[in-house]
Amino acid sequence: MTVARLDPRLIHAGMSITTVQLARLWAEHTPPAKPVPLRCPTCGHAWDETAPLCPTAAVVRPLLRKRRHEAGAHVIARLTDNQLDDLTGKKLSTALPPRKDFA
């Protein structure tokens, strides 16, 4: 069993993290499209209805939601439609029941 941890880049940046760094971390720890895989491709966190975000995404999401307007439009434009929906929407794609045929 993989135990997901905070991405070291988030820890090292601390309070001086930029919106560009936040967007990069969000993109790496959030599925780019549906159907979503069973685990975060970066840290291995198993997504489910009770834990739809890996530790890094759980820290990054509220920060990036508040600060996304600080970044240029080109930074947010790098996110896929699913990543943008997961950032700004109320329902996370990773909270959906996983498809049995997609691992």
C-alpha atoms as a PDB file:
ATOM      1  CA  MET A   1       0.000   0.000   0.000  1.00  0.00           C
ATOM      2  CA  THR A   2       1.360   3.400  -0.987  1.00  0.00           C
ATOM      3  CA  VAL A   3       1.165   6.172   1.562  1.00  0.00           C
ATOM      4  CA  ALA A   4       0.798   9.485  -0.233  1.00  0.00           C
ATOM      5  CA  ARG A   5       2.719  12.420   1.169  1.00  0.00           C
ATOM      6  CA  LEU A   6       2.949  16.093   0.402  1.00  0.00           C
ATOM      7  CA  ASP A   7       4.986  16.854  -2.668  1.00  0.00           C
ATOM      8  CA  PRO A   8       8.462  18.011  -1.540  1.00  0.00           C
ATOM      9  CA  ARG A   9       8.251  21.040  -3.864  1.00  0.00           C
ATOM     10  CA  LEU A  10       5.299  22.302  -1.820  1.00  0.00           C
ATOM     11  CA  ILE A  11       7.191  21.864   1.434  1.00  0.00           C
ATOM     12  CA  HIS A  12      10.364  23.541   0.176  1.00  0.00           C
ATOM     13  CA  ALA A  13       8.530  26.535  -1.318  1.00  0.00           C
ATOM     14  CA  GLY A  14       6.557  27.155   1.865  1.00  0.00           C
ATOM     15  CA  MET A  15       4.868  30.522   2.109  1.00  0.00           C
ATOM     16  CA  SER A  16       6.766  31.829  -0.919  1.00  0.00           C
ATOM     17  CA  ILE A  17       5.052  29.443  -3.355  1.00  0.00           C
ATOM     18  CA  THR A  18       4.003  31.111  -6.585  1.00  0.00           C
ATOM     19  CA  THR A  19       0.792  30.648  -8.519  1.00  0.00           C
ATOM     20  CA  VAL A  20       2.819  29.092 -11.335  1.00  0.00           C
ATOM     21  CA  GLN A  21       4.142  26.482  -8.901  1.00  0.00           C
ATOM     22  CA  LEU A  22       0.648  25.894  -7.506  1.00  0.00           C
ATOM     23  CA  ALA A  23      -0.778  25.395 -10.990  1.00  0.00           C
ATOM     24  CA  ARG A  24       2.011  22.958 -11.882  1.00  0.00           C
ATOM     25  CA  LEU A  25       1.435  20.934  -8.714  1.00  0.00           C
ATOM     26  CA  TRP A  26      -2.329  20.930  -9.314  1.00  0.00           C
ATOM     27  CA  ALA A  27      -1.835  19.690 -12.881  1.00  0.00           C
ATOM     28  CA  GLU A  28       0.483  16.906 -11.739  1.00  0.00           C
ATOM     29  CA  HIS A  29      -1.728  15.728  -8.867  1.00  0.00           C
ATOM     30  CA  THR A  30      -5.115  15.986 -10.621  1.00  0.00           C
ATOM     31  CA  PRO A  31      -6.335  13.740 -13.455  1.00  0.00           C
ATOM     32  CA  PRO A  32      -6.224  15.474 -16.835  1.00  0.00           C
ATOM     33  CA  ALA A  33      -9.345  13.733 -18.156  1.00  0.00           C
ATOM     34  CA  LYS A  34     -12.180  11.379 -17.321  1.00  0.00           C
ATOM     35  CA  PRO A  35     -12.388   8.554 -16.650  1.00  0.00           C
ATOM     36  CA  VAL A  36      -9.933   9.122 -13.844  1.00  0.00           C
ATOM     37  CA  PRO A  37      -7.358   6.491 -12.894  1.00  0.00           C
ATOM     38  CA  LEU A  38      -7.643   4.784  -9.532  1.00  0.00           C
ATOM     39  CA  ARG A  39      -4.590   6.574  -8.113  1.00  0.00           C
ATOM     40  CA  CYS A  40      -2.818   9.903  -8.346  1.00  0.00           C
ATOM     41  CA  PRO A  41      -0.134   9.402 -10.992  1.00  0.00           C
ATOM     42  CA  THR A  42       2.370  11.495  -9.049  1.00  0.00           C
ATOM     43  CA  CYS A  43       2.062  10.350  -5.428  1.00  0.00           C
ATOM     44  CA  GLY A  44       0.013   7.155  -5.652  1.00  0.00           C
ATOM     45  CA  HIS A  45      -2.894   8.289  -3.459  1.00  0.00           C
ATOM     46  CA  ALA A  46      -5.945   6.080  -4.017  1.00  0.00           C
ATOM     47  CA  TRP A  47      -8.871   8.365  -4.859  1.00  0.00           C
ATOM     48  CA  ASP A  48     -12.314   7.549  -3.531  1.00  0.00           C
ATOM     49  CA  GLU A  49     -15.477   9.273  -2.412  1.00  0.00           C
ATOM     50  CA  THR A  50     -14.149   9.909   1.107  1.00  0.00           C
ATOM     51  CA  ALA A  51     -10.644  11.051   0.068  1.00  0.00           C
ATOM     52  CA  PRO A  52     -11.040  12.582  -3.396  1.00  0.00           C
ATOM     53  CA  LEU A  53      -7.825  14.598  -3.210  1.00  0.00           C
ATOM     54  CA  CYS A  54      -4.273  13.474  -2.519  1.00  0.00           C
ATOM     55  CA  PRO A  55      -2.484  15.382   0.276  1.00  0.00           C
ATOM     56  CA  THR A  56      -0.772  17.757  -2.151  1.00  0.00           C
ATOM     57  CA  ALA A  57      -3.942  18.532  -4.112  1.00  0.00           C
ATOM     58  CA  ALA A  58      -5.835  19.082  -0.853  1.00  0.00           C
ATOM     59  CA  VAL A  59      -3.339  21.791   0.150  1.00  0.00           C
ATOM     60  CA  VAL A  60      -2.959  23.311  -3.320  1.00  0.00           C
ATOM     61  CA  ARG A  61      -6.652  23.513  -4.302  1.00  0.00           C
ATOM     62  CA  PRO A  62      -7.816  26.212  -1.851  1.00  0.00           C
ATOM     63  CA  LEU A  63      -4.646  28.255  -2.385  1.00  0.00           C
ATOM     64  CA  LEU A  64      -4.866  28.118  -6.166  1.00  0.00           C
ATOM     65  CA  ARG A  65      -8.607  28.809  -6.134  1.00  0.00           C
ATOM     66  CA  LYS A  66      -7.984  32.039  -4.219  1.00  0.00           C
ATOM     67  CA  ARG A  67      -4.830  33.077  -6.072  1.00  0.00           C
ATOM     68  CA  ARG A  68      -5.493  31.925  -9.647  1.00  0.00           C
ATOM     69  CA  HIS A  69      -6.194  35.493 -10.758  1.00  0.00           C
ATOM     70  CA  GLU A  70      -2.643  36.484  -9.709  1.00  0.00           C
ATOM     71  CA  ALA A  71      -1.260  34.273 -12.445  1.00  0.00           C
ATOM     72  CA  GLY A  72      -1.494  35.226 -16.048  1.00  0.00           C
ATOM     73  CA  ALA A  73      -4.235  33.625 -18.100  1.00  0.00           C
ATOM     74  CA  HIS A  74      -1.577  31.510 -19.806  1.00  0.00           C
ATOM     75  CA  VAL A  75      -0.854  29.708 -16.507  1.00  0.00           C
ATOM     76  CA  ILE A  76      -4.454  28.610 -15.954  1.00  0.00           C
ATOM     77  CA  ALA A  77      -4.845  27.882 -19.688  1.00  0.00           C
ATOM     78  CA  ARG A  78      -2.319  25.053 -19.277  1.00  0.00           C
ATOM     79  CA  LEU A  79      -4.834  23.127 -17.173  1.00  0.00           C
ATOM     80  CA  THR A  80      -7.070  20.654 -18.959  1.00  0.00           C
ATOM     81  CA  ASP A  81     -10.852  21.047 -18.853  1.00  0.00           C
ATOM     82  CA  ASN A  82     -11.113  18.359 -16.160  1.00  0.00           C
ATOM     83  CA  GLN A  83      -8.373  19.942 -14.024  1.00  0.00           C
ATOM     84  CA  LEU A  84     -10.043  23.354 -14.304  1.00  0.00           C
ATOM     85  CA  ASP A  85     -13.453  21.866 -13.445  1.00  0.00           C
ATOM     86  CA  ASP A  86     -11.931  20.109 -10.420  1.00  0.00           C
ATOM     87  CA  LEU A  87     -10.307  23.365  -9.325  1.00  0.00           C
ATOM     88  CA  THR A  88     -13.341  25.623  -9.654  1.00  0.00           C
ATOM     89  CA  GLY A  89     -16.319  23.273  -9.437  1.00  0.00           C
ATOM     90  CA  LYS A  90     -18.152  21.802  -6.489  1.00  0.00           C
ATOM     91  CA  LYS A  91     -17.933  18.134  -7.516  1.00  0.00           C
ATOM     92  CA  LEU A  92     -14.517  16.563  -7.968  1.00  0.00           C
ATOM     93  CA  SER A  93     -14.003  14.030 -10.736  1.00  0.00           C
ATOM     94  CA  THR A  94     -11.958  11.936  -8.316  1.00  0.00           C
ATOM     95  CA  ALA A  95     -14.928  11.664  -5.939  1.00  0.00           C
ATOM     96  CA  LEU A  96     -16.888   9.700  -8.508  1.00  0.00           C
ATOM     97  CA  PRO A  97     -16.998   5.930  -8.038  1.00  0.00           C
ATOM     98  CA  PRO A  98     -14.095   4.453 -10.013  1.00  0.00           C
ATOM     99  CA  ARG A  99     -14.853   2.525 -13.167  1.00  0.00           C
ATOM    100  CA  LYS A 100     -14.134  -1.156 -12.757  1.00  0.00           C
ATOM    101  CA  ASP A 101     -12.687  -1.458 -16.262  1.00  0.00           C
ATOM    102  CA  PHE A 102     -10.206   1.415 -15.871  1.00  0.00           C
ATOM    103  CA  ALA A 103      -7.152   0.867 -13.697  1.00  0.00           C
END
